[in-house]
């Protein structure tokens, strides 16, 4: 019998398979909470703009050759540096401390989160535009961050929501960032998801242009809206 098996035209090989569904679920949940933290962090940093307006520091800046876009750009750069540190610490902790393997290269995950961080900073600047004081900005920030994160599926799979909410989720930059990561985990190449990259950049650019326009029109320290 063994000789007949050796002469058979087919061969039997044994491989062990690992279930990656749990790791993917944990990764999704971790990134979802990180997205919310990034939005909160960006909001806290942009509140400095309101404090500078209340203290009339912003009005004094407008009397100098410094333009509104330069002022906004400086806030974007500072926020981006802090976001980069948050992303780095989180990904290092995921891999080396909690041993969570997202099944995609870490550099791809980091780049997606950096693209989203631009939208997070822009969204926080938009929130500042509609705040009348530091107190109102602090109250408005969670009212914007938490519901949009819930709608985007940061806390649970978006498939659990009704169909009309699933469609509405794609009006949020958080949804595109999470969908970007999910498709990478499904085996899509980074370059094939260029539409996700362009949409995240479009969100950020729109927010930044609105912020520059609003701040350029703010000539008095009490003028927030």
N, C-alpha and C. Protein backbone atom coordinates (compact mmCIF):
# COMPACT_ATOMS: atom_id res chain seq x y z
N UNK A 1 0.83 -1.21 0.00
CA UNK A 1 0.00 0.00 0.00
C UNK A 1 0.87 1.26 0.00
N UNK A 2 1.91 1.23 0.80
CA UNK A 2 2.81 2.39 0.87
C UNK A 2 3.51 2.60 -0.47
N UNK A 3 3.87 1.46 -1.13
CA UNK A 3 4.53 1.59 -2.43
C UNK A 3 3.58 2.18 -3.46
N UNK A 4 2.28 1.78 -3.41
CA UNK A 4 1.31 2.35 -4.35
C UNK A 4 1.12 3.84 -4.08
N UNK A 5 1.16 4.23 -2.78
CA UNK A 5 1.03 5.66 -2.45
C UNK A 5 2.21 6.45 -3.00
N UNK A 6 3.42 5.85 -2.89
CA UNK A 6 4.60 6.54 -3.39
C UNK A 6 4.55 6.71 -4.90
N UNK A 7 3.91 5.77 -5.59
CA UNK A 7 3.83 5.84 -7.04
C UNK A 7 2.61 6.61 -7.55
N UNK A 8 1.76 7.05 -6.65
CA UNK A 8 0.55 7.77 -7.05
C UNK A 8 0.91 9.13 -7.66
N UNK A 9 0.10 9.62 -8.60
CA UNK A 9 0.41 10.90 -9.26
C UNK A 9 0.16 12.12 -8.38
N UNK A 10 -0.46 11.94 -7.22
CA UNK A 10 -0.74 13.08 -6.34
C UNK A 10 0.10 12.96 -5.08
N UNK A 11 0.28 14.06 -4.41
CA UNK A 11 1.02 14.11 -3.15
C UNK A 11 0.17 14.79 -2.09
N UNK A 12 0.33 14.35 -0.88
CA UNK A 12 -0.40 14.92 0.26
C UNK A 12 0.56 15.75 1.10
N UNK A 13 0.21 16.98 1.34
CA UNK A 13 1.02 17.85 2.19
C UNK A 13 0.14 18.44 3.28
N UNK A 14 0.73 18.67 4.43
CA UNK A 14 0.01 19.17 5.60
C UNK A 14 0.56 20.54 5.97
N UNK A 15 -0.33 21.50 6.15
CA UNK A 15 0.05 22.85 6.55
C UNK A 15 -0.85 23.29 7.70
N UNK A 16 -0.30 24.04 8.60
CA UNK A 16 -1.09 24.59 9.70
C UNK A 16 -1.55 25.99 9.33
N UNK A 17 -2.82 26.28 9.59
CA UNK A 17 -3.41 27.57 9.28
C UNK A 17 -3.74 28.30 10.57
N UNK A 18 -3.59 29.59 10.54
CA UNK A 18 -3.92 30.41 11.70
C UNK A 18 -5.09 31.32 11.35
N UNK A 19 -6.01 31.46 12.29
CA UNK A 19 -7.19 32.30 12.10
C UNK A 19 -6.81 33.75 12.40
N UNK A 20 -6.84 34.60 11.37
CA UNK A 20 -6.45 36.00 11.53
C UNK A 20 -7.65 36.91 11.77
N UNK A 21 -8.84 36.34 11.83
CA UNK A 21 -10.04 37.18 12.00
C UNK A 21 -10.01 37.93 13.32
N UNK A 22 -9.55 37.25 14.38
CA UNK A 22 -9.51 37.90 15.69
C UNK A 22 -8.52 39.06 15.69
N UNK A 23 -7.34 38.83 15.09
CA UNK A 23 -6.34 39.89 15.03
C UNK A 23 -6.86 41.08 14.22
N UNK A 24 -7.57 40.81 13.15
CA UNK A 24 -8.11 41.90 12.34
C UNK A 24 -9.16 42.68 13.11
N UNK A 25 -9.98 41.97 13.89
CA UNK A 25 -11.00 42.64 14.69
C UNK A 25 -10.39 43.53 15.76
N UNK A 26 -9.36 43.02 16.42
CA UNK A 26 -8.68 43.81 17.45
C UNK A 26 -8.00 45.02 16.84
N UNK A 27 -7.37 44.82 15.68
CA UNK A 27 -6.72 45.94 14.99
C UNK A 27 -7.73 47.01 14.62
N UNK A 28 -8.87 46.60 14.09
CA UNK A 28 -9.91 47.55 13.70
C UNK A 28 -10.37 48.37 14.89
N UNK A 29 -10.61 47.69 16.01
CA UNK A 29 -11.09 48.38 17.21
C UNK A 29 -10.04 49.33 17.75
N UNK A 30 -8.78 48.89 17.75
CA UNK A 30 -7.70 49.73 18.24
C UNK A 30 -7.55 50.99 17.40
N UNK A 31 -7.55 50.83 16.09
CA UNK A 31 -7.42 51.99 15.20
C UNK A 31 -8.63 52.90 15.32
N UNK A 32 -9.81 52.32 15.52
CA UNK A 32 -11.01 53.14 15.68
C UNK A 32 -10.91 54.07 16.87
N UNK A 33 -10.43 53.53 18.00
CA UNK A 33 -10.26 54.38 19.18
C UNK A 33 -9.12 55.37 18.98
N UNK A 34 -8.07 54.97 18.27
CA UNK A 34 -6.97 55.89 17.99
C UNK A 34 -7.45 57.06 17.14
N UNK A 35 -8.32 56.79 16.19
CA UNK A 35 -8.88 57.85 15.35
C UNK A 35 -9.61 58.88 16.21
N UNK A 36 -10.41 58.40 17.17
CA UNK A 36 -11.12 59.33 18.05
C UNK A 36 -10.14 60.13 18.91
N UNK A 37 -9.11 59.47 19.43
CA UNK A 37 -8.11 60.17 20.25
C UNK A 37 -7.39 61.23 19.43
N UNK A 38 -7.08 60.91 18.18
CA UNK A 38 -6.42 61.88 17.32
C UNK A 38 -7.29 63.11 17.09
N UNK A 39 -8.59 62.89 16.90
CA UNK A 39 -9.50 64.02 16.73
C UNK A 39 -9.57 64.87 17.99
N UNK A 40 -9.64 64.21 19.15
CA UNK A 40 -9.68 64.93 20.42
C UNK A 40 -8.40 65.73 20.63
N UNK A 41 -7.27 65.11 20.33
CA UNK A 41 -5.99 65.77 20.51
C UNK A 41 -5.86 66.98 19.61
N UNK A 42 -6.26 66.83 18.35
CA UNK A 42 -6.20 67.96 17.43
C UNK A 42 -7.11 69.09 17.89
N UNK A 43 -8.27 68.73 18.43
CA UNK A 43 -9.18 69.75 18.94
C UNK A 43 -8.61 70.51 20.12
N UNK A 44 -7.96 69.79 21.03
CA UNK A 44 -7.36 70.46 22.19
C UNK A 44 -6.26 71.42 21.77
N UNK A 45 -5.48 71.05 20.78
CA UNK A 45 -4.39 71.92 20.34
C UNK A 45 -4.91 73.15 19.61
N UNK A 46 -5.95 72.98 18.80
CA UNK A 46 -6.47 74.13 18.06
C UNK A 46 -7.22 75.10 18.96
N UNK A 47 -7.61 74.67 20.17
CA UNK A 47 -8.22 75.61 21.11
C UNK A 47 -7.25 76.71 21.50
N UNK A 48 -5.97 76.48 21.30
CA UNK A 48 -4.97 77.51 21.58
C UNK A 48 -5.24 78.74 20.72
N UNK A 49 -5.77 78.54 19.52
CA UNK A 49 -6.08 79.67 18.64
C UNK A 49 -7.12 80.57 19.28
N UNK A 50 -8.15 79.97 19.88
CA UNK A 50 -9.19 80.77 20.53
C UNK A 50 -8.62 81.52 21.72
N UNK A 51 -7.77 80.87 22.50
CA UNK A 51 -7.17 81.55 23.64
C UNK A 51 -6.33 82.74 23.18
N UNK A 52 -5.63 82.57 22.07
CA UNK A 52 -4.85 83.68 21.54
C UNK A 52 -5.74 84.82 21.07
N UNK A 53 -6.91 84.49 20.56
CA UNK A 53 -7.85 85.53 20.17
C UNK A 53 -8.40 86.25 21.39
N UNK A 54 -8.74 85.48 22.42
CA UNK A 54 -9.27 86.09 23.64
C UNK A 54 -8.25 87.01 24.29
N UNK A 55 -7.00 86.64 24.20
CA UNK A 55 -5.93 87.45 24.78
C UNK A 55 -5.40 88.50 23.80
N UNK A 56 -6.06 88.62 22.65
CA UNK A 56 -5.74 89.61 21.63
C UNK A 56 -4.37 89.38 20.98
N UNK A 57 -3.79 88.23 21.22
CA UNK A 57 -2.51 87.92 20.57
C UNK A 57 -2.71 87.73 19.07
N UNK A 58 -3.84 87.16 18.68
CA UNK A 58 -4.10 86.94 17.26
C UNK A 58 -4.27 88.27 16.53
N UNK A 59 -4.95 89.23 17.17
CA UNK A 59 -5.11 90.54 16.54
C UNK A 59 -3.78 91.22 16.32
N UNK A 60 -2.89 91.07 17.28
CA UNK A 60 -1.56 91.67 17.12
C UNK A 60 -0.79 90.99 15.99
N UNK A 61 -1.01 89.68 15.84
CA UNK A 61 -0.35 88.98 14.74
C UNK A 61 -0.84 89.47 13.38
N UNK A 62 -2.13 89.80 13.31
CA UNK A 62 -2.69 90.25 12.04
C UNK A 62 -2.16 91.61 11.63
N UNK A 63 -1.64 92.38 12.58
CA UNK A 63 -1.07 93.68 12.24
C UNK A 63 0.36 93.56 11.73
N UNK A 64 0.92 92.38 11.81
CA UNK A 64 2.28 92.11 11.33
C UNK A 64 2.20 91.57 9.90
N UNK A 65 3.35 91.43 9.23
CA UNK A 65 3.33 90.85 7.87
C UNK A 65 2.88 89.39 7.81
N UNK A 66 2.71 88.74 8.97
CA UNK A 66 2.28 87.34 8.97
C UNK A 66 0.86 87.24 8.43
N UNK A 67 0.64 86.39 7.44
CA UNK A 67 -0.67 86.23 6.84
C UNK A 67 -1.44 85.10 7.52
N UNK A 68 -2.76 85.07 7.27
CA UNK A 68 -3.61 84.07 7.91
C UNK A 68 -3.19 82.66 7.53
N UNK A 69 -2.83 82.45 6.26
CA UNK A 69 -2.46 81.10 5.84
C UNK A 69 -1.17 80.64 6.52
N UNK A 70 -0.26 81.59 6.79
CA UNK A 70 0.97 81.23 7.52
C UNK A 70 0.65 80.83 8.94
N UNK A 71 -0.26 81.56 9.56
CA UNK A 71 -0.66 81.26 10.93
C UNK A 71 -1.33 79.89 11.01
N UNK A 72 -2.24 79.62 10.08
CA UNK A 72 -2.92 78.32 10.06
C UNK A 72 -1.92 77.20 9.77
N UNK A 73 -1.01 77.44 8.83
CA UNK A 73 -0.03 76.41 8.48
C UNK A 73 0.86 76.06 9.67
N UNK A 74 1.24 77.05 10.47
CA UNK A 74 2.07 76.77 11.64
C UNK A 74 1.33 75.88 12.63
N UNK A 75 0.03 76.12 12.81
CA UNK A 75 -0.76 75.26 13.69
C UNK A 75 -0.89 73.85 13.12
N UNK A 76 -1.00 73.74 11.81
CA UNK A 76 -1.09 72.43 11.17
C UNK A 76 0.19 71.64 11.40
N UNK A 77 1.34 72.29 11.24
CA UNK A 77 2.62 71.61 11.40
C UNK A 77 2.80 71.11 12.83
N UNK A 78 2.47 71.94 13.81
CA UNK A 78 2.60 71.53 15.21
C UNK A 78 1.70 70.34 15.50
N UNK A 79 0.44 70.43 15.05
CA UNK A 79 -0.49 69.31 15.25
C UNK A 79 0.01 68.05 14.58
N UNK A 80 0.55 68.18 13.38
CA UNK A 80 1.01 67.00 12.63
C UNK A 80 2.17 66.32 13.33
N UNK A 81 3.06 67.09 13.92
CA UNK A 81 4.18 66.50 14.66
C UNK A 81 3.68 65.70 15.86
N UNK A 82 2.71 66.25 16.57
CA UNK A 82 2.16 65.54 17.73
C UNK A 82 1.40 64.30 17.28
N UNK A 83 0.65 64.40 16.20
CA UNK A 83 -0.06 63.24 15.66
C UNK A 83 0.91 62.14 15.25
N UNK A 84 2.02 62.51 14.64
CA UNK A 84 3.02 61.53 14.24
C UNK A 84 3.56 60.78 15.44
N UNK A 85 3.80 61.50 16.53
CA UNK A 85 4.28 60.85 17.76
C UNK A 85 3.23 59.89 18.31
N UNK A 86 1.96 60.30 18.30
CA UNK A 86 0.88 59.42 18.77
C UNK A 86 0.80 58.15 17.94
N UNK A 87 0.86 58.30 16.63
CA UNK A 87 0.77 57.13 15.75
C UNK A 87 1.95 56.19 15.98
N UNK A 88 3.14 56.74 16.11
CA UNK A 88 4.34 55.92 16.31
C UNK A 88 4.25 55.13 17.60
N UNK A 89 3.88 55.80 18.69
CA UNK A 89 3.78 55.13 19.99
C UNK A 89 2.73 54.03 19.95
N UNK A 90 1.58 54.32 19.33
CA UNK A 90 0.50 53.33 19.28
C UNK A 90 0.90 52.10 18.48
N UNK A 91 1.49 52.29 17.32
CA UNK A 91 1.87 51.15 16.48
C UNK A 91 2.98 50.33 17.11
N UNK A 92 3.93 50.99 17.76
CA UNK A 92 5.00 50.26 18.46
C UNK A 92 4.42 49.44 19.60
N UNK A 93 3.48 50.03 20.35
CA UNK A 93 2.86 49.30 21.46
C UNK A 93 2.03 48.13 20.94
N UNK A 94 1.31 48.33 19.85
CA UNK A 94 0.52 47.24 19.26
C UNK A 94 1.39 46.05 18.92
N UNK A 95 2.54 46.31 18.31
CA UNK A 95 3.38 45.23 17.81
C UNK A 95 4.23 44.60 18.90
N UNK A 96 4.87 45.41 19.73
CA UNK A 96 5.88 44.90 20.66
C UNK A 96 5.37 44.62 22.07
N UNK A 97 4.28 45.27 22.47
CA UNK A 97 3.76 45.06 23.83
C UNK A 97 2.54 44.16 23.81
N UNK A 98 1.55 44.51 22.98
CA UNK A 98 0.31 43.73 22.95
C UNK A 98 0.33 42.62 21.89
N UNK A 99 1.37 42.59 21.06
CA UNK A 99 1.54 41.54 20.04
C UNK A 99 0.31 41.43 19.13
N UNK A 100 -0.17 42.59 18.71
CA UNK A 100 -1.27 42.65 17.75
C UNK A 100 -0.67 42.82 16.36
N UNK A 101 -0.96 41.87 15.48
CA UNK A 101 -0.40 41.89 14.14
C UNK A 101 -1.52 42.19 13.14
N UNK A 102 -1.48 43.35 12.51
CA UNK A 102 -2.58 43.75 11.61
C UNK A 102 -2.56 43.05 10.26
N UNK A 103 -1.55 42.23 9.98
CA UNK A 103 -1.43 41.50 8.71
C UNK A 103 -1.19 42.43 7.52
N UNK A 104 -0.74 43.63 7.79
CA UNK A 104 -0.27 44.54 6.75
C UNK A 104 1.00 45.20 7.27
N UNK A 105 1.88 45.66 6.38
CA UNK A 105 3.09 46.34 6.85
C UNK A 105 2.76 47.55 7.71
N UNK A 106 3.55 47.74 8.77
CA UNK A 106 3.30 48.85 9.68
C UNK A 106 3.44 50.20 8.98
N UNK A 107 4.32 50.29 7.98
CA UNK A 107 4.49 51.58 7.31
C UNK A 107 3.24 51.97 6.54
N UNK A 108 2.52 50.96 6.02
CA UNK A 108 1.28 51.28 5.33
C UNK A 108 0.22 51.80 6.31
N UNK A 109 0.13 51.15 7.46
CA UNK A 109 -0.82 51.61 8.47
C UNK A 109 -0.47 53.02 8.95
N UNK A 110 0.81 53.27 9.16
CA UNK A 110 1.25 54.59 9.62
C UNK A 110 0.93 55.66 8.58
N UNK A 111 1.13 55.34 7.30
CA UNK A 111 0.87 56.33 6.25
C UNK A 111 -0.61 56.64 6.14
N UNK A 112 -1.46 55.63 6.28
CA UNK A 112 -2.90 55.87 6.25
C UNK A 112 -3.32 56.78 7.40
N UNK A 113 -2.78 56.51 8.59
CA UNK A 113 -3.13 57.33 9.75
C UNK A 113 -2.59 58.75 9.62
N UNK A 114 -1.44 58.90 9.00
CA UNK A 114 -0.90 60.25 8.77
C UNK A 114 -1.79 61.02 7.79
N UNK A 115 -2.28 60.34 6.76
CA UNK A 115 -3.21 60.99 5.83
C UNK A 115 -4.47 61.42 6.56
N UNK A 116 -4.96 60.55 7.44
CA UNK A 116 -6.16 60.91 8.19
C UNK A 116 -5.89 62.05 9.16
N UNK A 117 -4.69 62.10 9.73
CA UNK A 117 -4.38 63.15 10.70
C UNK A 117 -4.53 64.54 10.08
N UNK A 118 -4.25 64.67 8.79
CA UNK A 118 -4.46 65.96 8.12
C UNK A 118 -5.94 66.35 8.14
N UNK A 119 -6.81 65.37 7.89
CA UNK A 119 -8.25 65.64 7.96
C UNK A 119 -8.68 65.95 9.39
N UNK A 120 -8.09 65.25 10.36
CA UNK A 120 -8.43 65.50 11.76
C UNK A 120 -8.07 66.92 12.17
N UNK A 121 -6.92 67.37 11.76
CA UNK A 121 -6.49 68.74 12.07
C UNK A 121 -7.42 69.74 11.40
N UNK A 122 -7.75 69.49 10.13
CA UNK A 122 -8.64 70.39 9.42
C UNK A 122 -10.02 70.45 10.05
N UNK A 123 -10.55 69.29 10.47
CA UNK A 123 -11.86 69.26 11.11
C UNK A 123 -11.86 70.02 12.42
N UNK A 124 -10.78 69.91 13.18
CA UNK A 124 -10.68 70.64 14.44
C UNK A 124 -10.62 72.15 14.20
N UNK A 125 -9.97 72.57 13.11
CA UNK A 125 -9.94 73.99 12.77
C UNK A 125 -11.34 74.49 12.40
N UNK A 126 -12.12 73.65 11.71
CA UNK A 126 -13.49 74.03 11.39
C UNK A 126 -14.31 74.19 12.67
N UNK A 127 -14.09 73.30 13.64
CA UNK A 127 -14.80 73.40 14.91
C UNK A 127 -14.48 74.70 15.61
N UNK A 128 -13.21 75.11 15.58
CA UNK A 128 -12.79 76.36 16.21
C UNK A 128 -13.50 77.55 15.56
N UNK A 129 -13.74 77.46 14.26
CA UNK A 129 -14.39 78.56 13.54
C UNK A 129 -15.77 78.87 14.10
N UNK A 130 -16.47 77.84 14.58
CA UNK A 130 -17.84 78.04 15.05
C UNK A 130 -17.92 78.19 16.57
N UNK A 131 -16.78 78.30 17.23
CA UNK A 131 -16.76 78.47 18.69
C UNK A 131 -16.64 79.94 19.03
N UNK A 132 -17.38 80.37 20.05
CA UNK A 132 -17.35 81.76 20.48
C UNK A 132 -16.36 82.01 21.61
N UNK A 133 -15.91 80.94 22.26
CA UNK A 133 -14.99 81.08 23.38
C UNK A 133 -14.30 79.74 23.60
N UNK A 134 -13.34 79.74 24.52
CA UNK A 134 -12.66 78.48 24.85
C UNK A 134 -13.63 77.47 25.44
N UNK A 135 -14.57 77.96 26.25
CA UNK A 135 -15.54 77.06 26.87
C UNK A 135 -16.45 76.42 25.82
N UNK A 136 -16.92 77.23 24.88
CA UNK A 136 -17.80 76.68 23.85
C UNK A 136 -17.04 75.74 22.92
N UNK A 137 -15.76 76.03 22.68
CA UNK A 137 -14.95 75.12 21.87
C UNK A 137 -14.78 73.78 22.56
N UNK A 138 -14.54 73.81 23.87
CA UNK A 138 -14.40 72.56 24.62
C UNK A 138 -15.68 71.75 24.64
N UNK A 139 -16.83 72.44 24.63
CA UNK A 139 -18.11 71.73 24.60
C UNK A 139 -18.46 71.24 23.21
N UNK A 140 -18.07 72.01 22.19
CA UNK A 140 -18.41 71.64 20.82
C UNK A 140 -17.57 70.49 20.29
N UNK A 141 -16.33 70.40 20.76
CA UNK A 141 -15.41 69.38 20.25
C UNK A 141 -15.95 67.95 20.39
N UNK A 142 -16.37 67.52 21.61
CA UNK A 142 -16.90 66.15 21.70
C UNK A 142 -18.22 65.97 20.96
N UNK A 143 -19.00 67.05 20.82
CA UNK A 143 -20.26 66.95 20.09
C UNK A 143 -20.02 66.69 18.61
N UNK A 144 -18.88 67.09 18.11
CA UNK A 144 -18.52 66.82 16.72
C UNK A 144 -17.79 65.49 16.60
N UNK A 145 -16.86 65.24 17.51
CA UNK A 145 -15.99 64.07 17.39
C UNK A 145 -16.72 62.75 17.62
N UNK A 146 -17.42 62.64 18.73
CA UNK A 146 -18.03 61.35 19.10
C UNK A 146 -19.11 60.91 18.11
N UNK A 147 -20.10 61.76 17.77
CA UNK A 147 -21.11 61.29 16.81
C UNK A 147 -20.54 60.94 15.44
N UNK A 148 -19.58 61.73 14.95
CA UNK A 148 -19.02 61.40 13.63
C UNK A 148 -18.23 60.10 13.67
N UNK A 149 -17.54 59.84 14.79
CA UNK A 149 -16.83 58.56 14.93
C UNK A 149 -17.79 57.39 15.01
N UNK A 150 -18.92 57.59 15.70
CA UNK A 150 -19.93 56.54 15.76
C UNK A 150 -20.50 56.27 14.38
N UNK A 151 -20.82 57.33 13.65
CA UNK A 151 -21.39 57.17 12.32
C UNK A 151 -20.39 56.53 11.36
N UNK A 152 -19.11 56.84 11.53
CA UNK A 152 -18.07 56.30 10.64
C UNK A 152 -17.72 54.85 10.94
N UNK A 153 -18.20 54.31 12.07
CA UNK A 153 -17.91 52.92 12.40
C UNK A 153 -16.62 52.71 13.15
N UNK A 154 -16.21 53.70 13.94
CA UNK A 154 -14.96 53.57 14.70
C UNK A 154 -15.10 52.60 15.87
N UNK A 155 -16.32 52.44 16.40
CA UNK A 155 -16.52 51.63 17.59
C UNK A 155 -17.12 50.26 17.30
N UNK A 156 -17.67 50.09 16.13
CA UNK A 156 -18.28 48.82 15.73
C UNK A 156 -18.26 48.73 14.20
N UNK A 157 -18.40 47.53 13.65
CA UNK A 157 -18.41 47.40 12.19
C UNK A 157 -19.56 48.19 11.57
N UNK A 158 -19.27 48.90 10.53
CA UNK A 158 -20.29 49.74 9.90
C UNK A 158 -21.41 48.90 9.31
N UNK A 159 -21.14 47.61 9.05
CA UNK A 159 -22.17 46.73 8.48
C UNK A 159 -23.33 46.50 9.45
N UNK A 160 -23.14 46.78 10.73
CA UNK A 160 -24.21 46.60 11.70
C UNK A 160 -25.24 47.72 11.65
N UNK A 161 -24.92 48.81 10.98
CA UNK A 161 -25.81 49.95 10.93
C UNK A 161 -26.78 49.82 9.76
N UNK A 162 -27.90 50.56 9.80
CA UNK A 162 -28.82 50.55 8.66
C UNK A 162 -28.14 51.02 7.38
N UNK A 163 -28.73 50.66 6.26
CA UNK A 163 -28.12 50.96 4.97
C UNK A 163 -27.92 52.46 4.75
N UNK A 164 -28.90 53.27 5.14
CA UNK A 164 -28.77 54.70 4.89
C UNK A 164 -27.67 55.31 5.73
N UNK A 165 -27.43 54.76 6.93
CA UNK A 165 -26.32 55.24 7.75
C UNK A 165 -24.98 54.76 7.20
N UNK A 166 -24.97 53.57 6.61
CA UNK A 166 -23.73 53.10 5.97
C UNK A 166 -23.32 54.02 4.83
N UNK A 167 -24.30 54.51 4.08
CA UNK A 167 -23.98 55.44 2.99
C UNK A 167 -23.56 56.80 3.54
N UNK A 168 -24.23 57.24 4.61
CA UNK A 168 -23.87 58.53 5.21
C UNK A 168 -22.48 58.51 5.83
N UNK A 169 -22.02 57.32 6.23
CA UNK A 169 -20.70 57.21 6.86
C UNK A 169 -19.59 57.66 5.94
N UNK A 170 -19.80 57.54 4.63
CA UNK A 170 -18.74 57.90 3.68
C UNK A 170 -18.62 59.40 3.47
N UNK A 171 -19.42 60.18 4.19
CA UNK A 171 -19.22 61.63 4.23
C UNK A 171 -18.25 62.01 5.35
N UNK A 172 -17.73 61.03 6.06
CA UNK A 172 -16.79 61.27 7.15
C UNK A 172 -15.39 60.78 6.76
N UNK A 173 -14.35 61.55 7.02
CA UNK A 173 -12.99 61.09 6.71
C UNK A 173 -12.59 59.85 7.50
N UNK A 174 -13.17 59.69 8.71
CA UNK A 174 -12.85 58.50 9.51
C UNK A 174 -13.22 57.22 8.77
N UNK A 175 -14.37 57.25 8.07
CA UNK A 175 -14.83 56.06 7.36
C UNK A 175 -13.84 55.67 6.26
N UNK A 176 -13.33 56.66 5.54
CA UNK A 176 -12.40 56.37 4.45
C UNK A 176 -11.08 55.83 4.97
N UNK A 177 -10.63 56.34 6.11
CA UNK A 177 -9.39 55.83 6.70
C UNK A 177 -9.55 54.38 7.15
N UNK A 178 -10.67 54.08 7.82
CA UNK A 178 -10.90 52.71 8.28
C UNK A 178 -11.11 51.76 7.10
N UNK A 179 -11.85 52.20 6.09
CA UNK A 179 -12.07 51.37 4.91
C UNK A 179 -10.76 51.12 4.17
N UNK A 180 -9.88 52.11 4.17
CA UNK A 180 -8.55 51.98 3.58
C UNK A 180 -7.81 50.82 4.24
N UNK A 181 -7.80 50.80 5.57
CA UNK A 181 -7.08 49.76 6.31
C UNK A 181 -7.72 48.38 6.11
N UNK A 182 -9.05 48.34 6.10
CA UNK A 182 -9.74 47.06 5.91
C UNK A 182 -9.40 46.45 4.55
N UNK A 183 -9.39 47.27 3.52
CA UNK A 183 -9.08 46.76 2.18
C UNK A 183 -7.62 46.32 2.07
N UNK A 184 -6.72 47.00 2.78
CA UNK A 184 -5.33 46.55 2.81
C UNK A 184 -5.23 45.18 3.48
N UNK A 185 -6.00 44.96 4.54
CA UNK A 185 -6.00 43.67 5.22
C UNK A 185 -6.60 42.58 4.34
N UNK A 186 -7.47 42.96 3.43
CA UNK A 186 -8.08 41.98 2.52
C UNK A 186 -7.15 41.60 1.38
N UNK A 187 -5.99 42.25 1.30
CA UNK A 187 -5.02 41.88 0.28
C UNK A 187 -4.86 42.86 -0.85
N UNK A 188 -5.59 43.97 -0.82
CA UNK A 188 -5.43 44.97 -1.88
C UNK A 188 -4.08 45.65 -1.74
N UNK A 189 -3.50 46.02 -2.87
CA UNK A 189 -2.22 46.73 -2.84
C UNK A 189 -2.44 48.19 -2.46
N UNK A 190 -1.40 48.80 -1.92
CA UNK A 190 -1.51 50.18 -1.46
C UNK A 190 -1.80 51.11 -2.64
N UNK A 191 -1.13 50.89 -3.75
CA UNK A 191 -1.32 51.76 -4.91
C UNK A 191 -2.70 51.67 -5.53
N UNK A 192 -3.35 50.51 -5.41
CA UNK A 192 -4.68 50.34 -6.00
C UNK A 192 -5.75 51.13 -5.26
N UNK A 193 -5.44 51.59 -4.07
CA UNK A 193 -6.39 52.34 -3.26
C UNK A 193 -6.11 53.84 -3.33
N UNK A 194 -5.68 54.28 -4.49
CA UNK A 194 -5.34 55.70 -4.65
C UNK A 194 -6.56 56.60 -4.44
N UNK A 195 -7.77 56.08 -4.75
CA UNK A 195 -8.97 56.89 -4.56
C UNK A 195 -9.16 57.25 -3.09
N UNK A 196 -8.88 56.30 -2.19
CA UNK A 196 -8.98 56.59 -0.76
C UNK A 196 -7.99 57.68 -0.36
N UNK A 197 -6.78 57.60 -0.90
CA UNK A 197 -5.78 58.63 -0.58
C UNK A 197 -6.22 60.00 -1.06
N UNK A 198 -6.75 60.06 -2.28
CA UNK A 198 -7.18 61.34 -2.84
C UNK A 198 -8.35 61.91 -2.05
N UNK A 199 -9.26 61.06 -1.62
CA UNK A 199 -10.42 61.56 -0.87
C UNK A 199 -10.00 62.08 0.50
N UNK A 200 -9.09 61.38 1.17
CA UNK A 200 -8.60 61.88 2.46
C UNK A 200 -7.88 63.22 2.29
N UNK A 201 -7.09 63.34 1.24
CA UNK A 201 -6.41 64.61 0.98
C UNK A 201 -7.42 65.70 0.61
N UNK A 202 -8.49 65.33 -0.10
CA UNK A 202 -9.51 66.31 -0.46
C UNK A 202 -10.24 66.83 0.77
N UNK A 203 -10.55 65.93 1.71
CA UNK A 203 -11.15 66.35 2.97
C UNK A 203 -10.24 67.37 3.66
N UNK A 204 -8.97 67.02 3.79
CA UNK A 204 -8.03 67.90 4.49
C UNK A 204 -7.90 69.25 3.79
N UNK A 205 -7.76 69.23 2.47
CA UNK A 205 -7.59 70.48 1.72
C UNK A 205 -8.82 71.37 1.86
N UNK A 206 -10.01 70.78 1.80
CA UNK A 206 -11.24 71.56 1.96
C UNK A 206 -11.30 72.22 3.33
N UNK A 207 -11.00 71.44 4.37
CA UNK A 207 -11.02 72.00 5.72
C UNK A 207 -9.99 73.12 5.87
N UNK A 208 -8.81 72.91 5.33
CA UNK A 208 -7.75 73.92 5.47
C UNK A 208 -8.13 75.22 4.75
N UNK A 209 -8.68 75.10 3.55
CA UNK A 209 -9.06 76.30 2.80
C UNK A 209 -10.16 77.07 3.51
N UNK A 210 -11.12 76.35 4.08
CA UNK A 210 -12.17 77.03 4.84
C UNK A 210 -11.59 77.74 6.06
N UNK A 211 -10.64 77.08 6.73
CA UNK A 211 -10.03 77.69 7.91
C UNK A 211 -9.25 78.94 7.54
N UNK A 212 -8.48 78.87 6.46
CA UNK A 212 -7.71 80.04 6.03
C UNK A 212 -8.64 81.18 5.65
N UNK A 213 -9.72 80.87 4.95
CA UNK A 213 -10.68 81.91 4.56
C UNK A 213 -11.30 82.56 5.79
N UNK A 214 -11.70 81.74 6.76
CA UNK A 214 -12.34 82.29 7.95
C UNK A 214 -11.37 83.13 8.77
N UNK A 215 -10.17 82.62 8.98
CA UNK A 215 -9.20 83.35 9.80
C UNK A 215 -8.74 84.63 9.11
N UNK A 216 -8.71 84.62 7.80
CA UNK A 216 -8.30 85.84 7.09
C UNK A 216 -9.33 86.95 7.25
N UNK A 217 -10.59 86.59 7.53
CA UNK A 217 -11.65 87.57 7.72
C UNK A 217 -11.80 87.99 9.17
N UNK A 218 -11.11 87.30 10.06
CA UNK A 218 -11.22 87.62 11.49
C UNK A 218 -10.19 88.69 11.83
N UNK A 219 -10.65 89.89 12.00
CA UNK A 219 -9.75 91.00 12.28
C UNK A 219 -9.86 91.49 13.72
N UNK A 220 -10.83 90.98 14.44
CA UNK A 220 -11.02 91.41 15.82
C UNK A 220 -10.92 90.19 16.72
N UNK A 221 -10.44 90.38 17.92
CA UNK A 221 -10.24 89.25 18.83
C UNK A 221 -11.53 88.60 19.25
N UNK A 222 -12.63 89.33 19.22
CA UNK A 222 -13.91 88.75 19.63
C UNK A 222 -14.69 88.18 18.48
N UNK A 223 -14.19 88.25 17.29
CA UNK A 223 -14.91 87.77 16.10
C UNK A 223 -14.52 86.33 15.82
N UNK A 224 -15.43 85.41 16.12
CA UNK A 224 -15.13 83.99 15.95
C UNK A 224 -15.96 83.36 14.85
N UNK A 225 -17.10 83.90 14.55
CA UNK A 225 -18.00 83.28 13.59
C UNK A 225 -18.04 84.11 12.32
